[in-house]
Amino acid sequence: VTMDFGCLKNGYCSDMTRTVAIGSATDEMKNVYDVVLRAQL
């Protein structure tokens, strides 16, 4: 499940995305997640 969302405070924006797994994740899913995290860092 990917959630990309944000809100306003004093007119200014927030923005964040998190991808989570429900119950379990395959090795392929875990690998892709790891690559994205390493790329972000």
ModelCIF file with pLDDT and N, C-alpha, C, O atoms, coordinates in Angstrom:
data_MODEL
#
_entry.id   MODEL 
#
_entity.id                         1 
_entity.type                       polymer 
_entity.pdbx_number_of_molecules   1 
#
_entity_poly.entity_id                      1 
_entity_poly.type                           'polypeptide(L)' 
_entity_poly.nstd_linkage                   no 
_entity_poly.nstd_monomer                   no 
_entity_poly.pdbx_seq_one_letter_code       VTMDFGCLKNGYCSDMTRTVAIGSATDEMKNVYDVVLRAQL 
_entity_poly.pdbx_seq_one_letter_code_can   VTMDFGCLKNGYCSDMTRTVAIGSATDEMKNVYDVVLRAQL 
_entity_poly.pdbx_strand_id                 A 
#
loop_
_entity_poly_seq.entity_id 
_entity_poly_seq.num 
_entity_poly_seq.mon_id 
_entity_poly_seq.hetero 
1 1  VAL n 
1 2  THR n 
1 3  MET n 
1 4  ASP n 
1 5  PHE n 
1 6  GLY n 
1 7  CYS n 
1 8  LEU n 
1 9  LYS n 
1 10 ASN n 
1 11 GLY n 
1 12 TYR n 
1 13 CYS n 
1 14 SER n 
1 15 ASP n 
1 16 MET n 
1 17 THR n 
1 18 ARG n 
1 19 THR n 
1 20 VAL n 
1 21 ALA n 
1 22 ILE n 
1 23 GLY n 
1 24 SER n 
1 25 ALA n 
1 26 THR n 
1 27 ASP n 
1 28 GLU n 
1 29 MET n 
1 30 LYS n 
1 31 ASN n 
1 32 VAL n 
1 33 TYR n 
1 34 ASP n 
1 35 VAL n 
1 36 VAL n 
1 37 LEU n 
1 38 ARG n 
1 39 ALA n 
1 40 GLN n 
1 41 LEU n 
#
_struct_asym.id          A 
_struct_asym.entity_id   1 
#
loop_
_ma_qa_metric.id 
_ma_qa_metric.mode 
_ma_qa_metric.name 
_ma_qa_metric.software_group_id 
_ma_qa_metric.type 
1 global pLDDT . pLDDT 
2 local  pLDDT . pLDDT 
#
_ma_qa_metric_global.metric_id      1 
_ma_qa_metric_global.metric_value   97.78 
_ma_qa_metric_global.model_id       1 
_ma_qa_metric_global.ordinal_id     1 
#
loop_
_ma_qa_metric_local.label_asym_id 
_ma_qa_metric_local.label_comp_id 
_ma_qa_metric_local.label_seq_id 
_ma_qa_metric_local.metric_id 
_ma_qa_metric_local.metric_value 
_ma_qa_metric_local.model_id 
_ma_qa_metric_local.ordinal_id 
A VAL 1  2 98.00 1 1  
A THR 2  2 98.00 1 2  
A MET 3  2 98.00 1 3  
A ASP 4  2 98.00 1 4  
A PHE 5  2 98.00 1 5  
A GLY 6  2 98.00 1 6  
A CYS 7  2 98.00 1 7  
A LEU 8  2 98.00 1 8  
A LYS 9  2 97.00 1 9  
A ASN 10 2 95.00 1 10 
A GLY 11 2 96.00 1 11 
A TYR 12 2 97.00 1 12 
A CYS 13 2 98.00 1 13 
A SER 14 2 98.00 1 14 
A ASP 15 2 98.00 1 15 
A MET 16 2 98.00 1 16 
A THR 17 2 98.00 1 17 
A ARG 18 2 98.00 1 18 
A THR 19 2 98.00 1 19 
A VAL 20 2 98.00 1 20 
A ALA 21 2 98.00 1 21 
A ILE 22 2 98.00 1 22 
A GLY 23 2 97.00 1 23 
A SER 24 2 97.00 1 24 
A ALA 25 2 98.00 1 25 
A THR 26 2 98.00 1 26 
A ASP 27 2 98.00 1 27 
A GLU 28 2 98.00 1 28 
A MET 29 2 98.00 1 29 
A LYS 30 2 98.00 1 30 
A ASN 31 2 98.00 1 31 
A VAL 32 2 98.00 1 32 
A TYR 33 2 98.00 1 33 
A ASP 34 2 98.00 1 34 
A VAL 35 2 98.00 1 35 
A VAL 36 2 98.00 1 36 
A LEU 37 2 98.00 1 37 
A ARG 38 2 98.00 1 38 
A ALA 39 2 98.00 1 39 
A GLN 40 2 98.00 1 40 
A LEU 41 2 98.00 1 41 
#
loop_
_atom_site.group_PDB 
_atom_site.id 
_atom_site.type_symbol 
_atom_site.label_atom_id 
_atom_site.label_alt_id 
_atom_site.label_comp_id 
_atom_site.label_asym_id 
_atom_site.label_entity_id 
_atom_site.label_seq_id 
_atom_site.pdbx_PDB_ins_code 
_atom_site.Cartn_x 
_atom_site.Cartn_y 
_atom_site.Cartn_z 
_atom_site.occupancy 
_atom_site.B_iso_or_equiv 
_atom_site.pdbx_formal_charge 
_atom_site.auth_seq_id 
_atom_site.auth_comp_id 
_atom_site.auth_asym_id 
_atom_site.auth_atom_id 
_atom_site.pdbx_PDB_model_num 
ATOM 1   N N  . VAL A 1 1  ? 0.868  -1.178  0.000  1.00 98.00 ? 1  VAL A N  1 
ATOM 2   C CA . VAL A 1 1  ? 0.000  0.000   0.000  1.00 98.00 ? 1  VAL A CA 1 
ATOM 3   C C  . VAL A 1 1  ? 0.904  1.227   0.000  1.00 98.00 ? 1  VAL A C  1 
ATOM 4   O O  . VAL A 1 1  ? 1.748  1.382   0.882  1.00 98.00 ? 1  VAL A O  1 
ATOM 5   N N  . THR A 1 2  ? 0.724  2.095   -0.989 1.00 98.00 ? 2  THR A N  1 
ATOM 6   C CA . THR A 1 2  ? 1.491  3.341   -1.060 1.00 98.00 ? 2  THR A CA 1 
ATOM 7   C C  . THR A 1 2  ? 0.578  4.491   -0.686 1.00 98.00 ? 2  THR A C  1 
ATOM 8   O O  . THR A 1 2  ? -0.518 4.630   -1.229 1.00 98.00 ? 2  THR A O  1 
ATOM 9   N N  . MET A 1 3  ? 1.039  5.320   0.251  1.00 98.00 ? 3  MET A N  1 
ATOM 10  C CA . MET A 1 3  ? 0.290  6.486   0.713  1.00 98.00 ? 3  MET A CA 1 
ATOM 11  C C  . MET A 1 3  ? 1.140  7.735   0.535  1.00 98.00 ? 3  MET A C  1 
ATOM 12  O O  . MET A 1 3  ? 2.183  7.874   1.174  1.00 98.00 ? 3  MET A O  1 
ATOM 13  N N  . ASP A 1 4  ? 0.701  8.639   -0.324 1.00 98.00 ? 4  ASP A N  1 
ATOM 14  C CA . ASP A 1 4  ? 1.380  9.911   -0.600 1.00 98.00 ? 4  ASP A CA 1 
ATOM 15  C C  . ASP A 1 4  ? 0.396  11.008  -0.216 1.00 98.00 ? 4  ASP A C  1 
ATOM 16  O O  . ASP A 1 4  ? -0.676 11.112  -0.812 1.00 98.00 ? 4  ASP A O  1 
ATOM 17  N N  . PHE A 1 5  ? 0.747  11.828  0.770  1.00 98.00 ? 5  PHE A N  1 
ATOM 18  C CA . PHE A 1 5  ? -0.234 12.759  1.324  1.00 98.00 ? 5  PHE A CA 1 
ATOM 19  C C  . PHE A 1 5  ? 0.473  13.907  2.028  1.00 98.00 ? 5  PHE A C  1 
ATOM 20  O O  . PHE A 1 5  ? 1.681  13.861  2.261  1.00 98.00 ? 5  PHE A O  1 
ATOM 21  N N  . GLY A 1 6  ? -0.286 14.925  2.358  1.00 98.00 ? 6  GLY A N  1 
ATOM 22  C CA . GLY A 1 6  ? 0.255  16.058  3.094  1.00 98.00 ? 6  GLY A CA 1 
ATOM 23  C C  . GLY A 1 6  ? -0.861 16.985  3.499  1.00 98.00 ? 6  GLY A C  1 
ATOM 24  O O  . GLY A 1 6  ? -2.001 16.832  3.061  1.00 98.00 ? 6  GLY A O  1 
ATOM 25  N N  . CYS A 1 7  ? -0.528 17.960  4.346  1.00 98.00 ? 7  CYS A N  1 
ATOM 26  C CA . CYS A 1 7  ? -1.540 18.885  4.843  1.00 98.00 ? 7  CYS A CA 1 
ATOM 27  C C  . CYS A 1 7  ? -0.990 20.302  4.845  1.00 98.00 ? 7  CYS A C  1 
ATOM 28  O O  . CYS A 1 7  ? 0.173  20.536  4.516  1.00 98.00 ? 7  CYS A O  1 
ATOM 29  N N  . LEU A 1 8  ? -1.851 21.242  5.224  1.00 98.00 ? 8  LEU A N  1 
ATOM 30  C CA . LEU A 1 8  ? -1.499 22.655  5.309  1.00 98.00 ? 8  LEU A CA 1 
ATOM 31  C C  . LEU A 1 8  ? -1.517 23.123  6.757  1.00 98.00 ? 8  LEU A C  1 
ATOM 32  O O  . LEU A 1 8  ? -2.408 22.774  7.531  1.00 98.00 ? 8  LEU A O  1 
ATOM 33  N N  . LYS A 1 9  ? -0.510 23.925  7.104  1.00 97.00 ? 9  LYS A N  1 
ATOM 34  C CA . LYS A 1 9  ? -0.489 24.608  8.393  1.00 97.00 ? 9  LYS A CA 1 
ATOM 35  C C  . LYS A 1 9  ? 0.019  26.022  8.149  1.00 97.00 ? 9  LYS A C  1 
ATOM 36  O O  . LYS A 1 9  ? 1.112  26.218  7.619  1.00 97.00 ? 9  LYS A O  1 
ATOM 37  N N  . ASN A 1 10 ? -0.789 27.007  8.542  1.00 95.00 ? 10 ASN A N  1 
ATOM 38  C CA . ASN A 1 10 ? -0.476 28.406  8.256  1.00 95.00 ? 10 ASN A CA 1 
ATOM 39  C C  . ASN A 1 10 ? -0.245 28.633  6.762  1.00 95.00 ? 10 ASN A C  1 
ATOM 40  O O  . ASN A 1 10 ? 0.528  29.502  6.360  1.00 95.00 ? 10 ASN A O  1 
ATOM 41  N N  . GLY A 1 11 ? -0.933 27.830  5.951  1.00 96.00 ? 11 GLY A N  1 
ATOM 42  C CA . GLY A 1 11 ? -0.826 27.965  4.505  1.00 96.00 ? 11 GLY A CA 1 
ATOM 43  C C  . GLY A 1 11 ? 0.318  27.197  3.872  1.00 96.00 ? 11 GLY A C  1 
ATOM 44  O O  . GLY A 1 11 ? 0.420  27.150  2.646  1.00 96.00 ? 11 GLY A O  1 
ATOM 45  N N  . TYR A 1 12 ? 1.183  26.594  4.677  1.00 97.00 ? 12 TYR A N  1 
ATOM 46  C CA . TYR A 1 12 ? 2.367  25.904  4.160  1.00 97.00 ? 12 TYR A CA 1 
ATOM 47  C C  . TYR A 1 12 ? 2.168  24.392  4.136  1.00 97.00 ? 12 TYR A C  1 
ATOM 48  O O  . TYR A 1 12 ? 1.455  23.827  4.965  1.00 97.00 ? 12 TYR A O  1 
ATOM 49  N N  . CYS A 1 13 ? 2.819  23.752  3.164  1.00 98.00 ? 13 CYS A N  1 
ATOM 50  C CA . CYS A 1 13 ? 2.562  22.348  2.838  1.00 98.00 ? 13 CYS A CA 1 
ATOM 51  C C  . CYS A 1 13 ? 3.506  21.377  3.532  1.00 98.00 ? 13 CYS A C  1 
ATOM 52  O O  . CYS A 1 13 ? 4.662  21.693  3.809  1.00 98.00 ? 13 CYS A O  1 
ATOM 53  N N  . SER A 1 14 ? 2.990  20.206  3.799  1.00 98.00 ? 14 SER A N  1 
ATOM 54  C CA . SER A 1 14 ? 3.825  19.029  4.067  1.00 98.00 ? 14 SER A CA 1 
ATOM 55  C C  . SER A 1 14 ? 3.619  18.047  2.930  1.00 98.00 ? 14 SER A C  1 
ATOM 56  O O  . SER A 1 14 ? 2.659  18.155  2.166  1.00 98.00 ? 14 SER A O  1 
ATOM 57  N N  . ASP A 1 15 ? 4.534  17.081  2.822  1.00 98.00 ? 15 ASP A N  1 
ATOM 58  C CA . ASP A 1 15 ? 4.459  16.085  1.753  1.00 98.00 ? 15 ASP A CA 1 
ATOM 59  C C  . ASP A 1 15 ? 5.264  14.877  2.199  1.00 98.00 ? 15 ASP A C  1 
ATOM 60  O O  . ASP A 1 15 ? 6.422  15.011  2.594  1.00 98.00 ? 15 ASP A O  1 
ATOM 61  N N  . MET A 1 16 ? 4.661  13.707  2.139  1.00 98.00 ? 16 MET A N  1 
ATOM 62  C CA . MET A 1 16 ? 5.396  12.493  2.489  1.00 98.00 ? 16 MET A CA 1 
ATOM 63  C C  . MET A 1 16 ? 4.769  11.295  1.809  1.00 98.00 ? 16 MET A C  1 
ATOM 64  O O  . MET A 1 16 ? 3.580  11.296  1.491  1.00 98.00 ? 16 MET A O  1 
ATOM 65  N N  . THR A 1 17 ? 5.580  10.272  1.589  1.00 98.00 ? 17 THR A N  1 
ATOM 66  C CA . THR A 1 17 ? 5.090  9.008   1.033  1.00 98.00 ? 17 THR A CA 1 
ATOM 67  C C  . THR A 1 17 ? 5.685  7.862   1.816  1.00 98.00 ? 17 THR A C  1 
ATOM 68  O O  . THR A 1 17 ? 6.877  7.854   2.122  1.00 98.00 ? 17 THR A O  1 
ATOM 69  N N  . ARG A 1 18 ? 4.847  6.897   2.135  1.00 98.00 ? 18 ARG A N  1 
ATOM 70  C CA . ARG A 1 18 ? 5.313  5.653   2.712  1.00 98.00 ? 18 ARG A CA 1 
ATOM 71  C C  . ARG A 1 18 ? 4.635  4.493   1.993  1.00 98.00 ? 18 ARG A C  1 
ATOM 72  O O  . ARG A 1 18 ? 3.445  4.545   1.679  1.00 98.00 ? 18 ARG A O  1 
ATOM 73  N N  . THR A 1 19 ? 5.415  3.448   1.740  1.00 98.00 ? 19 THR A N  1 
ATOM 74  C CA . THR A 1 19 ? 4.913  2.208   1.160  1.00 98.00 ? 19 THR A CA 1 
ATOM 75  C C  . THR A 1 19 ? 5.062  1.118   2.211  1.00 98.00 ? 19 THR A C  1 
ATOM 76  O O  . THR A 1 19 ? 6.161  0.882   2.712  1.00 98.00 ? 19 THR A O  1 
ATOM 77  N N  . VAL A 1 20 ? 3.971  0.459   2.544  1.00 98.00 ? 20 VAL A N  1 
ATOM 78  C CA . VAL A 1 20 ? 3.983  -0.592  3.564  1.00 98.00 ? 20 VAL A CA 1 
ATOM 79  C C  . VAL A 1 20 ? 3.412  -1.867  2.964  1.00 98.00 ? 20 VAL A C  1 
ATOM 80  O O  . VAL A 1 20 ? 2.684  -1.830  1.972  1.00 98.00 ? 20 VAL A O  1 
ATOM 81  N N  . ALA A 1 21 ? 3.749  -2.992  3.578  1.00 98.00 ? 21 ALA A N  1 
ATOM 82  C CA . ALA A 1 21 ? 3.234  -4.292  3.135  1.00 98.00 ? 21 ALA A CA 1 
ATOM 83  C C  . ALA A 1 21 ? 2.182  -4.791  4.125  1.00 98.00 ? 21 ALA A C  1 
ATOM 84  O O  . ALA A 1 21 ? 2.275  -4.549  5.329  1.00 98.00 ? 21 ALA A O  1 
ATOM 85  N N  . ILE A 1 22 ? 1.194  -5.480  3.601  1.00 98.00 ? 22 ILE A N  1 
ATOM 86  C CA . ILE A 1 22 ? 0.105  -6.007  4.431  1.00 98.00 ? 22 ILE A CA 1 
ATOM 87  C C  . ILE A 1 22 ? 0.323  -7.505  4.637  1.00 98.00 ? 22 ILE A C  1 
ATOM 88  O O  . ILE A 1 22 ? 0.176  -8.297  3.706  1.00 98.00 ? 22 ILE A O  1 
ATOM 89  N N  . GLY A 1 23 ? 0.674  -7.880  5.855  1.00 97.00 ? 23 GLY A N  1 
ATOM 90  C CA . GLY A 1 23 ? 0.809  -9.291  6.208  1.00 97.00 ? 23 GLY A CA 1 
ATOM 91  C C  . GLY A 1 23 ? 2.147  -9.900  5.859  1.00 97.00 ? 23 GLY A C  1 
ATOM 92  O O  . GLY A 1 23 ? 2.766  -10.551 6.701  1.00 97.00 ? 23 GLY A O  1 
ATOM 93  N N  . SER A 1 24 ? 2.606  -9.705  4.639  1.00 97.00 ? 24 SER A N  1 
ATOM 94  C CA . SER A 1 24 ? 3.869  -10.310 4.211  1.00 97.00 ? 24 SER A CA 1 
ATOM 95  C C  . SER A 1 24 ? 4.367  -9.585  2.968  1.00 97.00 ? 24 SER A C  1 
ATOM 96  O O  . SER A 1 24 ? 3.631  -8.835  2.327  1.00 97.00 ? 24 SER A O  1 
ATOM 97  N N  . ALA A 1 25 ? 5.635  -9.828  2.644  1.00 98.00 ? 25 ALA A N  1 
ATOM 98  C CA . ALA A 1 25 ? 6.225  -9.276  1.427  1.00 98.00 ? 25 ALA A CA 1 
ATOM 99  C C  . ALA A 1 25 ? 7.149  -10.318 0.833  1.00 98.00 ? 25 ALA A C  1 
ATOM 100 O O  . ALA A 1 25 ? 7.879  -10.984 1.567  1.00 98.00 ? 25 ALA A O  1 
ATOM 101 N N  . THR A 1 26 ? 7.134  -10.472 -0.482 1.00 98.00 ? 26 THR A N  1 
ATOM 102 C CA . THR A 1 26 ? 8.023  -11.420 -1.145 1.00 98.00 ? 26 THR A CA 1 
ATOM 103 C C  . THR A 1 26 ? 9.450  -10.892 -1.133 1.00 98.00 ? 26 THR A C  1 
ATOM 104 O O  . THR A 1 26 ? 9.682  -9.716  -0.852 1.00 98.00 ? 26 THR A O  1 
ATOM 105 N N  . ASP A 1 27 ? 10.391 -11.753 -1.434 1.00 98.00 ? 27 ASP A N  1 
ATOM 106 C CA . ASP A 1 27 ? 11.786 -11.328 -1.520 1.00 98.00 ? 27 ASP A CA 1 
ATOM 107 C C  . ASP A 1 27 ? 11.962 -10.244 -2.585 1.00 98.00 ? 27 ASP A C  1 
ATOM 108 O O  . ASP A 1 27 ? 12.750 -9.316  -2.409 1.00 98.00 ? 27 ASP A O  1 
ATOM 109 N N  . GLU A 1 28 ? 11.224 -10.368 -3.687 1.00 98.00 ? 28 GLU A N  1 
ATOM 110 C CA . GLU A 1 28 ? 11.324 -9.359  -4.741 1.00 98.00 ? 28 GLU A CA 1 
ATOM 111 C C  . GLU A 1 28 ? 10.821 -8.004  -4.247 1.00 98.00 ? 28 GLU A C  1 
ATOM 112 O O  . GLU A 1 28 ? 11.435 -6.972  -4.519 1.00 98.00 ? 28 GLU A O  1 
ATOM 113 N N  . MET A 1 29 ? 9.716  -8.011  -3.530 1.00 98.00 ? 29 MET A N  1 
ATOM 114 C CA . MET A 1 29 ? 9.192  -6.766  -2.988 1.00 98.00 ? 29 MET A CA 1 
ATOM 115 C C  . MET A 1 29 ? 10.184 -6.136  -2.022 1.00 98.00 ? 29 MET A C  1 
ATOM 116 O O  . MET A 1 29 ? 10.404 -4.925  -2.048 1.00 98.00 ? 29 MET A O  1 
ATOM 117 N N  . LYS A 1 30 ? 10.777 -6.960  -1.173 1.00 98.00 ? 30 LYS A N  1 
ATOM 118 C CA . LYS A 1 30 ? 11.765 -6.458  -0.220 1.00 98.00 ? 30 LYS A CA 1 
ATOM 119 C C  . LYS A 1 30 ? 12.982 -5.896  -0.936 1.00 98.00 ? 30 LYS A C  1 
ATOM 120 O O  . LYS A 1 30 ? 13.524 -4.876  -0.511 1.00 98.00 ? 30 LYS A O  1 
ATOM 121 N N  . ASN A 1 31 ? 13.421 -6.530  -1.999 1.00 98.00 ? 31 ASN A N  1 
ATOM 122 C CA . ASN A 1 31 ? 14.585 -6.068  -2.745 1.00 98.00 ? 31 ASN A CA 1 
ATOM 123 C C  . ASN A 1 31 ? 14.321 -4.710  -3.388 1.00 98.00 ? 31 ASN A C  1 
ATOM 124 O O  . ASN A 1 31 ? 15.145 -3.800  -3.301 1.00 98.00 ? 31 ASN A O  1 
ATOM 125 N N  . VAL A 1 32 ? 13.152 -4.585  -4.038 1.00 98.00 ? 32 VAL A N  1 
ATOM 126 C CA . VAL A 1 32 ? 12.812 -3.305  -4.665 1.00 98.00 ? 32 VAL A CA 1 
ATOM 127 C C  . VAL A 1 32 ? 12.737 -2.202  -3.607 1.00 98.00 ? 32 VAL A C  1 
ATOM 128 O O  . VAL A 1 32 ? 13.228 -1.094  -3.823 1.00 98.00 ? 32 VAL A O  1 
ATOM 129 N N  . TYR A 1 33 ? 12.132 -2.506  -2.483 1.00 98.00 ? 33 TYR A N  1 
ATOM 130 C CA . TYR A 1 33 ? 12.037 -1.523  -1.411 1.00 98.00 ? 33 TYR A CA 1 
ATOM 131 C C  . TYR A 1 33 ? 13.436 -1.088  -0.964 1.00 98.00 ? 33 TYR A C  1 
ATOM 132 O O  . TYR A 1 33 ? 13.692 0.101   -0.770 1.00 98.00 ? 33 TYR A O  1 
ATOM 133 N N  . ASP A 1 34 ? 14.322 -2.049  -0.806 1.00 98.00 ? 34 ASP A N  1 
ATOM 134 C CA . ASP A 1 34 ? 15.682 -1.753  -0.358 1.00 98.00 ? 34 ASP A CA 1 
ATOM 135 C C  . ASP A 1 34 ? 16.415 -0.867  -1.361 1.00 98.00 ? 34 ASP A C  1 
ATOM 136 O O  . ASP A 1 34 ? 17.145 0.042   -0.965 1.00 98.00 ? 34 ASP A O  1 
ATOM 137 N N  . VAL A 1 35 ? 16.228 -1.123  -2.649 1.00 98.00 ? 35 VAL A N  1 
ATOM 138 C CA . VAL A 1 35 ? 16.879 -0.314  -3.680 1.00 98.00 ? 35 VAL A CA 1 
ATOM 139 C C  . VAL A 1 35 ? 16.371 1.129   -3.615 1.00 98.00 ? 35 VAL A C  1 
ATOM 140 O O  . VAL A 1 35 ? 17.158 2.072   -3.696 1.00 98.00 ? 35 VAL A O  1 
ATOM 141 N N  . VAL A 1 36 ? 15.061 1.294   -3.470 1.00 98.00 ? 36 VAL A N  1 
ATOM 142 C CA . VAL A 1 36 ? 14.494 2.644   -3.388 1.00 98.00 ? 36 VAL A CA 1 
ATOM 143 C C  . VAL A 1 36 ? 15.021 3.379   -2.159 1.00 98.00 ? 36 VAL A C  1 
ATOM 144 O O  . VAL A 1 36 ? 15.365 4.558   -2.236 1.00 98.00 ? 36 VAL A O  1 
ATOM 145 N N  . LEU A 1 37 ? 15.082 2.688   -1.040 1.00 98.00 ? 37 LEU A N  1 
ATOM 146 C CA . LEU A 1 37 ? 15.585 3.322   0.184  1.00 98.00 ? 37 LEU A CA 1 
ATOM 147 C C  . LEU A 1 37 ? 17.045 3.723   0.024  1.00 98.00 ? 37 LEU A C  1 
ATOM 148 O O  . LEU A 1 37 ? 17.430 4.824   0.419  1.00 98.00 ? 37 LEU A O  1 
ATOM 149 N N  . ARG A 1 38 ? 17.857 2.848   -0.546 1.00 98.00 ? 38 ARG A N  1 
ATOM 150 C CA . ARG A 1 38 ? 19.269 3.191   -0.749 1.00 98.00 ? 38 ARG A CA 1 
ATOM 151 C C  . ARG A 1 38 ? 19.424 4.354   -1.722 1.00 98.00 ? 38 ARG A C  1 
ATOM 152 O O  . ARG A 1 38 ? 20.313 5.190   -1.557 1.00 98.00 ? 38 ARG A O  1 
ATOM 153 N N  . ALA A 1 39 ? 18.566 4.407   -2.730 1.00 98.00 ? 39 ALA A N  1 
ATOM 154 C CA . ALA A 1 39 ? 18.605 5.520   -3.673 1.00 98.00 ? 39 ALA A CA 1 
ATOM 155 C C  . ALA A 1 39 ? 18.237 6.832   -2.990 1.00 98.00 ? 39 ALA A C  1 
ATOM 156 O O  . ALA A 1 39 ? 18.867 7.863   -3.224 1.00 98.00 ? 39 ALA A O  1 
ATOM 157 N N  . GLN A 1 40 ? 17.219 6.782   -2.153 1.00 98.00 ? 40 GLN A N  1 
ATOM 158 C CA . GLN A 1 40 ? 16.821 7.997   -1.453 1.00 98.00 ? 40 GLN A CA 1 
ATOM 159 C C  . GLN A 1 40 ? 17.952 8.505   -0.558 1.00 98.00 ? 40 GLN A C  1 
ATOM 160 O O  . GLN A 1 40 ? 18.255 9.698   -0.544 1.00 98.00 ? 40 GLN A O  1 
ATOM 161 N N  . LEU A 1 41 ? 18.568 7.594   0.184  1.00 98.00 ? 41 LEU A N  1 
ATOM 162 C CA . LEU A 1 41 ? 19.663 7.988   1.080  1.00 98.00 ? 41 LEU A CA 1 
ATOM 163 C C  . LEU A 1 41 ? 20.843 8.559   0.294  1.00 98.00 ? 41 LEU A C  1 
ATOM 164 O O  . LEU A 1 41 ? 21.852 8.942   0.885  1.00 98.00 ? 41 LEU A O  1 
#
